[in-house]
Amino acid sequence: MIAVSSRPVRRQWNTVSFASTLYLIPILDLLLAEIPPRWRAEVRLGLQEALVNAAKHGNKLDPSKTVLVRFSSVANQYWWVISDQGEGFRPSQDCFEDLSKDLPCEERECGRGMFILHQVFDQVQWNAKGTELRLCKRVKEVSRSPVVT
């Protein structure tokens, strides 16, 4: 089951929650509805990685646990806050150093997902417990084109 709600607080935040699953097409379609077409493929890749991580690694695909996504846009910035009910994730400092090394993605300690998140989004932040991920994408950057087209 998918639940959707919206509540105005300083800016409009919408919320979608769903039982842990890897069937993400309808959720991704909803989360990408307002993204300019030029950026959709890139943002879809990043959001899919973040949602898979929340459902699979955070909630261990336990259908009794939910993934909650709050999302909003302000001007040319799109925000997503993805929360799971898992034990948490804390990337080590070495993880970020691995991102800059000339290693194939699959050989990096933090793996493909971390690499993708940092390539796609302009901001990637976890809460202290590691159960909530904040992502921001600026889509009007003149200096750069989408990585994925």
N, C-alpha and C. Protein backbone atom coordinates (compact mmCIF):
# COMPACT_ATOMS: atom_id res chain seq x y z
N MET A 1 0.83 -1.18 0.00
CA MET A 1 0.00 0.00 0.00
C MET A 1 0.87 1.24 0.00
N ILE A 2 0.46 2.23 -0.76
CA ILE A 2 1.15 3.51 -0.83
C ILE A 2 0.23 4.57 -0.25
N ALA A 3 0.76 5.38 0.65
CA ALA A 3 -0.01 6.48 1.24
C ALA A 3 0.64 7.80 0.85
N VAL A 4 -0.16 8.77 0.44
CA VAL A 4 0.35 10.07 0.02
C VAL A 4 -0.39 11.15 0.79
N SER A 5 0.34 12.16 1.25
CA SER A 5 -0.29 13.30 1.91
C SER A 5 0.54 14.55 1.64
N SER A 6 -0.05 15.70 1.88
CA SER A 6 0.70 16.95 1.77
C SER A 6 0.24 17.88 2.89
N ARG A 7 1.19 18.69 3.35
CA ARG A 7 0.87 19.64 4.40
C ARG A 7 1.70 20.90 4.19
N PRO A 8 1.07 22.06 4.18
CA PRO A 8 1.82 23.30 4.01
C PRO A 8 2.50 23.72 5.31
N VAL A 9 3.80 23.86 5.26
CA VAL A 9 4.59 24.39 6.36
C VAL A 9 5.70 25.19 5.71
N ARG A 10 5.68 26.50 5.83
CA ARG A 10 6.62 27.39 5.17
C ARG A 10 6.73 27.11 3.67
N ARG A 11 6.84 25.90 3.29
CA ARG A 11 6.77 25.49 1.90
C ARG A 11 5.99 24.18 1.86
N GLN A 12 5.54 23.83 0.70
CA GLN A 12 4.71 22.64 0.55
C GLN A 12 5.57 21.37 0.60
N TRP A 13 5.36 20.54 1.60
CA TRP A 13 6.01 19.23 1.69
C TRP A 13 4.94 18.17 1.44
N ASN A 14 5.25 17.26 0.57
CA ASN A 14 4.38 16.11 0.32
C ASN A 14 5.04 14.90 0.95
N THR A 15 4.25 13.91 1.27
CA THR A 15 4.76 12.70 1.92
C THR A 15 4.19 11.48 1.22
N VAL A 16 5.06 10.51 1.01
CA VAL A 16 4.63 9.21 0.50
C VAL A 16 5.29 8.16 1.39
N SER A 17 4.52 7.16 1.77
CA SER A 17 5.08 6.06 2.55
C SER A 17 4.63 4.76 1.91
N PHE A 18 5.49 3.75 2.02
CA PHE A 18 5.18 2.46 1.41
C PHE A 18 5.89 1.35 2.16
N ALA A 19 5.30 0.17 2.14
CA ALA A 19 5.91 -1.01 2.75
C ALA A 19 7.20 -1.32 2.00
N SER A 20 8.19 -1.84 2.70
CA SER A 20 9.48 -2.15 2.10
C SER A 20 9.32 -3.10 0.92
N THR A 21 9.68 -2.62 -0.24
CA THR A 21 9.58 -3.38 -1.47
C THR A 21 10.61 -2.84 -2.46
N LEU A 22 10.92 -3.64 -3.46
CA LEU A 22 11.79 -3.18 -4.52
C LEU A 22 10.99 -2.81 -5.77
N TYR A 23 9.66 -2.93 -5.68
CA TYR A 23 8.81 -2.49 -6.78
C TYR A 23 8.57 -0.99 -6.60
N LEU A 24 9.40 -0.20 -7.25
CA LEU A 24 9.44 1.23 -6.98
C LEU A 24 8.92 2.11 -8.12
N ILE A 25 8.49 1.52 -9.20
CA ILE A 25 8.09 2.31 -10.37
C ILE A 25 7.02 3.36 -10.03
N PRO A 26 5.91 2.99 -9.36
CA PRO A 26 4.90 4.03 -9.09
C PRO A 26 5.40 5.10 -8.11
N ILE A 27 6.26 4.72 -7.19
CA ILE A 27 6.80 5.69 -6.23
C ILE A 27 7.73 6.65 -6.95
N LEU A 28 8.62 6.11 -7.77
CA LEU A 28 9.54 6.96 -8.53
C LEU A 28 8.79 7.89 -9.46
N ASP A 29 7.76 7.39 -10.13
CA ASP A 29 6.96 8.25 -11.02
C ASP A 29 6.35 9.41 -10.25
N LEU A 30 5.85 9.15 -9.07
CA LEU A 30 5.27 10.20 -8.23
C LEU A 30 6.35 11.21 -7.81
N LEU A 31 7.51 10.72 -7.38
CA LEU A 31 8.57 11.59 -6.89
C LEU A 31 9.22 12.43 -8.00
N LEU A 32 9.08 11.98 -9.23
CA LEU A 32 9.71 12.67 -10.36
C LEU A 32 8.73 13.53 -11.16
N ALA A 33 7.49 13.57 -10.76
CA ALA A 33 6.44 14.24 -11.54
C ALA A 33 6.77 15.69 -11.86
N GLU A 34 7.41 16.41 -10.97
CA GLU A 34 7.67 17.83 -11.19
C GLU A 34 9.09 18.12 -11.66
N ILE A 35 9.91 17.11 -11.80
CA ILE A 35 11.28 17.30 -12.25
C ILE A 35 11.27 17.61 -13.75
N PRO A 36 12.02 18.63 -14.18
CA PRO A 36 12.08 18.91 -15.62
C PRO A 36 12.55 17.67 -16.40
N PRO A 37 11.95 17.41 -17.56
CA PRO A 37 12.28 16.21 -18.32
C PRO A 37 13.77 15.99 -18.57
N ARG A 38 14.50 17.05 -18.78
CA ARG A 38 15.94 16.95 -19.05
C ARG A 38 16.70 16.27 -17.92
N TRP A 39 16.20 16.39 -16.69
CA TRP A 39 16.90 15.87 -15.51
C TRP A 39 16.31 14.57 -14.98
N ARG A 40 15.20 14.12 -15.51
CA ARG A 40 14.49 12.97 -14.94
C ARG A 40 15.30 11.68 -14.89
N ALA A 41 16.00 11.33 -15.94
CA ALA A 41 16.74 10.07 -15.96
C ALA A 41 17.80 10.05 -14.87
N GLU A 42 18.52 11.14 -14.72
CA GLU A 42 19.57 11.23 -13.71
C GLU A 42 18.99 11.15 -12.29
N VAL A 43 17.95 11.93 -12.04
CA VAL A 43 17.35 11.95 -10.71
C VAL A 43 16.69 10.60 -10.41
N ARG A 44 16.07 9.97 -11.41
CA ARG A 44 15.46 8.64 -11.22
C ARG A 44 16.51 7.65 -10.75
N LEU A 45 17.68 7.67 -11.38
CA LEU A 45 18.75 6.76 -10.99
C LEU A 45 19.14 6.97 -9.53
N GLY A 46 19.32 8.23 -9.14
CA GLY A 46 19.72 8.52 -7.75
C GLY A 46 18.64 8.16 -6.74
N LEU A 47 17.39 8.52 -7.03
CA LEU A 47 16.30 8.20 -6.11
C LEU A 47 16.08 6.70 -6.01
N GLN A 48 16.18 6.01 -7.12
CA GLN A 48 16.02 4.55 -7.08
C GLN A 48 17.08 3.94 -6.18
N GLU A 49 18.30 4.39 -6.27
CA GLU A 49 19.37 3.87 -5.42
C GLU A 49 19.07 4.15 -3.95
N ALA A 50 18.64 5.36 -3.65
CA ALA A 50 18.34 5.73 -2.26
C ALA A 50 17.16 4.92 -1.70
N LEU A 51 16.12 4.72 -2.51
CA LEU A 51 14.94 3.96 -2.05
C LEU A 51 15.27 2.47 -1.89
N VAL A 52 16.05 1.92 -2.80
CA VAL A 52 16.47 0.52 -2.67
C VAL A 52 17.28 0.35 -1.39
N ASN A 53 18.19 1.29 -1.13
CA ASN A 53 18.99 1.20 0.10
C ASN A 53 18.11 1.23 1.34
N ALA A 54 17.11 2.11 1.36
CA ALA A 54 16.22 2.21 2.52
C ALA A 54 15.42 0.93 2.72
N ALA A 55 14.85 0.40 1.64
CA ALA A 55 14.01 -0.80 1.75
C ALA A 55 14.85 -2.06 1.99
N LYS A 56 15.92 -2.20 1.25
CA LYS A 56 16.71 -3.44 1.29
C LYS A 56 17.70 -3.46 2.45
N HIS A 57 18.53 -2.44 2.56
CA HIS A 57 19.56 -2.42 3.60
C HIS A 57 19.04 -1.89 4.93
N GLY A 58 18.19 -0.86 4.88
CA GLY A 58 17.64 -0.31 6.12
C GLY A 58 16.59 -1.22 6.73
N ASN A 59 15.53 -1.49 5.98
CA ASN A 59 14.40 -2.26 6.50
C ASN A 59 14.50 -3.75 6.24
N LYS A 60 15.57 -4.20 5.60
CA LYS A 60 15.79 -5.64 5.32
C LYS A 60 14.61 -6.26 4.57
N LEU A 61 13.94 -5.45 3.74
CA LEU A 61 12.77 -5.88 2.96
C LEU A 61 11.66 -6.46 3.82
N ASP A 62 11.61 -6.04 5.07
CA ASP A 62 10.55 -6.48 5.99
C ASP A 62 9.28 -5.72 5.62
N PRO A 63 8.25 -6.41 5.13
CA PRO A 63 7.03 -5.72 4.69
C PRO A 63 6.25 -5.05 5.82
N SER A 64 6.59 -5.35 7.07
CA SER A 64 5.92 -4.67 8.17
C SER A 64 6.57 -3.31 8.46
N LYS A 65 7.72 -3.04 7.85
CA LYS A 65 8.40 -1.76 8.02
C LYS A 65 8.15 -0.90 6.79
N THR A 66 8.10 0.41 7.01
CA THR A 66 7.82 1.32 5.90
C THR A 66 9.01 2.22 5.60
N VAL A 67 9.01 2.71 4.38
CA VAL A 67 9.93 3.76 3.95
C VAL A 67 9.07 5.00 3.80
N LEU A 68 9.52 6.09 4.36
CA LEU A 68 8.80 7.36 4.32
C LEU A 68 9.63 8.35 3.51
N VAL A 69 9.00 9.02 2.56
CA VAL A 69 9.68 10.02 1.76
C VAL A 69 8.91 11.31 1.84
N ARG A 70 9.57 12.36 2.30
CA ARG A 70 9.02 13.71 2.25
C ARG A 70 9.71 14.41 1.09
N PHE A 71 8.96 15.16 0.30
CA PHE A 71 9.58 15.82 -0.84
C PHE A 71 8.96 17.18 -1.08
N SER A 72 9.79 18.07 -1.61
CA SER A 72 9.37 19.44 -1.82
C SER A 72 10.25 20.08 -2.88
N SER A 73 9.78 21.19 -3.42
CA SER A 73 10.62 21.96 -4.34
C SER A 73 10.49 23.44 -3.99
N VAL A 74 11.60 24.13 -4.13
CA VAL A 74 11.65 25.57 -3.93
C VAL A 74 12.50 26.12 -5.06
N ALA A 75 11.90 26.99 -5.85
CA ALA A 75 12.58 27.56 -7.01
C ALA A 75 13.11 26.42 -7.87
N ASN A 76 14.41 26.33 -8.03
CA ASN A 76 15.01 25.29 -8.86
C ASN A 76 15.68 24.20 -8.04
N GLN A 77 15.30 24.09 -6.78
CA GLN A 77 15.86 23.05 -5.91
C GLN A 77 14.76 22.05 -5.56
N TYR A 78 15.11 20.79 -5.68
CA TYR A 78 14.20 19.70 -5.34
C TYR A 78 14.80 18.95 -4.17
N TRP A 79 13.98 18.69 -3.15
CA TRP A 79 14.43 18.05 -1.91
C TRP A 79 13.67 16.76 -1.66
N TRP A 80 14.37 15.76 -1.14
CA TRP A 80 13.77 14.50 -0.71
C TRP A 80 14.40 14.13 0.62
N VAL A 81 13.57 13.72 1.55
CA VAL A 81 14.04 13.21 2.85
C VAL A 81 13.49 11.80 2.95
N ILE A 82 14.39 10.82 2.93
CA ILE A 82 14.01 9.41 2.89
C ILE A 82 14.36 8.78 4.23
N SER A 83 13.36 8.21 4.90
CA SER A 83 13.55 7.61 6.22
C SER A 83 13.18 6.14 6.18
N ASP A 84 13.96 5.34 6.89
CA ASP A 84 13.62 3.92 7.03
C ASP A 84 13.54 3.57 8.51
N GLN A 85 13.14 2.35 8.83
CA GLN A 85 12.98 1.91 10.21
C GLN A 85 14.06 0.92 10.60
N GLY A 86 15.20 1.01 9.93
CA GLY A 86 16.30 0.09 10.20
C GLY A 86 17.16 0.53 11.37
N GLU A 87 18.30 -0.13 11.50
CA GLU A 87 19.22 0.13 12.61
C GLU A 87 20.11 1.34 12.36
N GLY A 88 20.17 1.80 11.13
CA GLY A 88 20.96 2.99 10.82
C GLY A 88 22.20 2.69 10.01
N PHE A 89 22.72 3.74 9.42
CA PHE A 89 23.88 3.67 8.55
C PHE A 89 24.80 4.82 8.90
N ARG A 90 26.06 4.54 9.04
CA ARG A 90 27.03 5.60 9.31
C ARG A 90 28.23 5.40 8.39
N PRO A 91 28.31 6.18 7.31
CA PRO A 91 29.46 6.03 6.43
C PRO A 91 30.73 6.48 7.14
N SER A 92 31.80 5.73 6.95
CA SER A 92 33.07 6.11 7.57
C SER A 92 33.72 7.20 6.74
N GLN A 93 34.71 7.87 7.30
CA GLN A 93 35.44 8.89 6.55
C GLN A 93 36.16 8.26 5.37
N ASP A 94 36.64 7.02 5.54
CA ASP A 94 37.30 6.32 4.44
C ASP A 94 36.36 6.16 3.25
N CYS A 95 35.08 6.06 3.54
CA CYS A 95 34.09 5.91 2.49
C CYS A 95 34.16 7.07 1.52
N PHE A 96 34.25 8.28 2.03
CA PHE A 96 34.29 9.45 1.17
C PHE A 96 35.62 9.56 0.45
N GLU A 97 36.68 9.09 1.08
CA GLU A 97 37.97 9.07 0.39
C GLU A 97 37.93 8.07 -0.76
N ASP A 98 37.26 6.93 -0.57
CA ASP A 98 37.14 5.93 -1.62
C ASP A 98 36.44 6.49 -2.85
N LEU A 99 35.52 7.44 -2.66
CA LEU A 99 34.78 8.00 -3.78
C LEU A 99 35.70 8.72 -4.75
N SER A 100 36.81 9.27 -4.25
CA SER A 100 37.68 10.04 -5.12
C SER A 100 38.79 9.20 -5.74
N LYS A 101 38.93 7.96 -5.35
CA LYS A 101 39.98 7.11 -5.91
C LYS A 101 39.59 6.61 -7.30
N ASP A 102 40.60 6.30 -8.07
CA ASP A 102 40.37 5.79 -9.42
C ASP A 102 40.14 4.28 -9.38
N LEU A 103 39.12 3.86 -8.66
CA LEU A 103 38.75 2.46 -8.60
C LEU A 103 37.41 2.28 -9.29
N PRO A 104 37.21 1.13 -9.92
CA PRO A 104 35.86 0.87 -10.43
C PRO A 104 34.87 0.90 -9.28
N CYS A 105 33.65 1.36 -9.54
CA CYS A 105 32.63 1.49 -8.49
C CYS A 105 32.50 0.24 -7.64
N GLU A 106 32.48 -0.93 -8.27
CA GLU A 106 32.23 -2.16 -7.52
C GLU A 106 33.37 -2.51 -6.57
N GLU A 107 34.55 -1.88 -6.72
CA GLU A 107 35.67 -2.17 -5.83
C GLU A 107 35.79 -1.18 -4.69
N ARG A 108 35.00 -0.15 -4.70
CA ARG A 108 35.04 0.82 -3.61
C ARG A 108 34.35 0.24 -2.39
N GLU A 109 34.85 0.58 -1.22
CA GLU A 109 34.30 0.04 0.02
C GLU A 109 32.82 0.36 0.17
N CYS A 110 32.40 1.55 -0.19
CA CYS A 110 31.02 1.96 0.00
C CYS A 110 30.13 1.57 -1.16
N GLY A 111 30.71 1.10 -2.22
CA GLY A 111 29.93 0.57 -3.31
C GLY A 111 29.32 1.59 -4.24
N ARG A 112 28.60 1.03 -5.14
CA ARG A 112 27.99 1.76 -6.24
C ARG A 112 26.98 2.81 -5.77
N GLY A 113 26.17 2.46 -4.79
CA GLY A 113 25.12 3.37 -4.34
C GLY A 113 25.63 4.70 -3.83
N MET A 114 26.64 4.66 -2.99
CA MET A 114 27.21 5.90 -2.46
C MET A 114 27.78 6.75 -3.59
N PHE A 115 28.46 6.11 -4.51
CA PHE A 115 29.03 6.81 -5.65
C PHE A 115 27.93 7.51 -6.46
N ILE A 116 26.87 6.78 -6.75
CA ILE A 116 25.76 7.34 -7.54
C ILE A 116 25.13 8.53 -6.82
N LEU A 117 24.85 8.38 -5.53
CA LEU A 117 24.22 9.49 -4.79
C LEU A 117 25.05 10.76 -4.87
N HIS A 118 26.36 10.62 -4.72
CA HIS A 118 27.22 11.81 -4.73
C HIS A 118 27.42 12.37 -6.13
N GLN A 119 27.21 11.57 -7.16
CA GLN A 119 27.29 12.07 -8.53
C GLN A 119 26.00 12.78 -8.95
N VAL A 120 24.87 12.27 -8.51
CA VAL A 120 23.58 12.78 -8.96
C VAL A 120 23.13 14.01 -8.18
N PHE A 121 23.27 13.98 -6.86
CA PHE A 121 22.69 15.03 -6.03
C PHE A 121 23.73 16.06 -5.61
N ASP A 122 23.25 17.29 -5.41
CA ASP A 122 24.12 18.38 -4.99
C ASP A 122 24.38 18.34 -3.49
N GLN A 123 23.44 17.78 -2.73
CA GLN A 123 23.62 17.60 -1.29
C GLN A 123 23.18 16.19 -0.92
N VAL A 124 24.00 15.53 -0.11
CA VAL A 124 23.71 14.19 0.39
C VAL A 124 24.08 14.20 1.87
N GLN A 125 23.07 14.09 2.74
CA GLN A 125 23.32 14.17 4.19
C GLN A 125 22.49 13.12 4.92
N TRP A 126 23.12 12.46 5.90
CA TRP A 126 22.40 11.53 6.76
C TRP A 126 22.19 12.16 8.13
N ASN A 127 21.12 11.74 8.82
CA ASN A 127 20.96 12.18 10.20
C ASN A 127 21.96 11.41 11.06
N ALA A 128 22.07 11.79 12.33
CA ALA A 128 23.08 11.19 13.21
C ALA A 128 22.90 9.68 13.35
N LYS A 129 21.67 9.21 13.36
CA LYS A 129 21.41 7.77 13.52
C LYS A 129 21.62 7.00 12.22
N GLY A 130 21.53 7.69 11.09
CA GLY A 130 21.71 7.03 9.80
C GLY A 130 20.47 6.36 9.26
N THR A 131 19.31 6.82 9.73
CA THR A 131 18.04 6.26 9.24
C THR A 131 17.29 7.26 8.36
N GLU A 132 17.88 8.42 8.14
CA GLU A 132 17.23 9.44 7.33
C GLU A 132 18.27 10.07 6.41
N LEU A 133 17.94 10.13 5.14
CA LEU A 133 18.82 10.67 4.12
C LEU A 133 18.16 11.89 3.50
N ARG A 134 18.89 13.01 3.47
CA ARG A 134 18.40 14.24 2.84
C ARG A 134 19.14 14.44 1.53
N LEU A 135 18.38 14.61 0.46
CA LEU A 135 18.96 14.80 -0.87
C LEU A 135 18.44 16.10 -1.46
N CYS A 136 19.30 16.80 -2.17
CA CYS A 136 18.91 18.02 -2.86
C CYS A 136 19.48 17.99 -4.27
N LYS A 137 18.67 18.41 -5.22
CA LYS A 137 19.10 18.51 -6.61
C LYS A 137 18.74 19.89 -7.12
N ARG A 138 19.73 20.61 -7.63
CA ARG A 138 19.51 21.90 -8.28
C ARG A 138 19.48 21.64 -9.78
N VAL A 139 18.41 22.03 -10.44
CA VAL A 139 18.27 21.66 -11.85
C VAL A 139 18.52 22.80 -12.83
N LYS A 140 18.81 23.97 -12.37
CA LYS A 140 19.06 25.09 -13.29
C LYS A 140 20.53 25.49 -13.32
N GLU A 141 21.41 24.58 -12.95
CA GLU A 141 22.83 24.86 -12.99
C GLU A 141 23.26 25.02 -14.45
N VAL A 142 23.67 26.20 -14.84
CA VAL A 142 24.09 26.44 -16.21
C VAL A 142 25.42 25.75 -16.50
N SER A 143 26.24 25.60 -15.48
CA SER A 143 27.59 25.08 -15.67
C SER A 143 27.64 23.57 -15.88
N ARG A 144 26.53 22.89 -15.74
CA ARG A 144 26.59 21.44 -15.85
C ARG A 144 25.34 20.88 -16.49
N SER A 145 25.51 19.79 -17.21
CA SER A 145 24.41 19.08 -17.83
C SER A 145 24.17 17.80 -17.05
N PRO A 146 23.03 17.15 -17.24
CA PRO A 146 22.79 15.88 -16.55
C PRO A 146 23.86 14.85 -16.87
N VAL A 147 24.19 14.03 -15.89
CA VAL A 147 25.15 12.94 -16.07
C VAL A 147 24.51 11.84 -16.90
N VAL A 148 23.24 11.56 -16.63
CA VAL A 148 22.49 10.52 -17.33
C VAL A 148 21.47 11.22 -18.22
N THR A 149 21.41 10.82 -19.45
CA THR A 149 20.41 11.42 -20.35
C THR A 149 19.56 10.36 -21.01
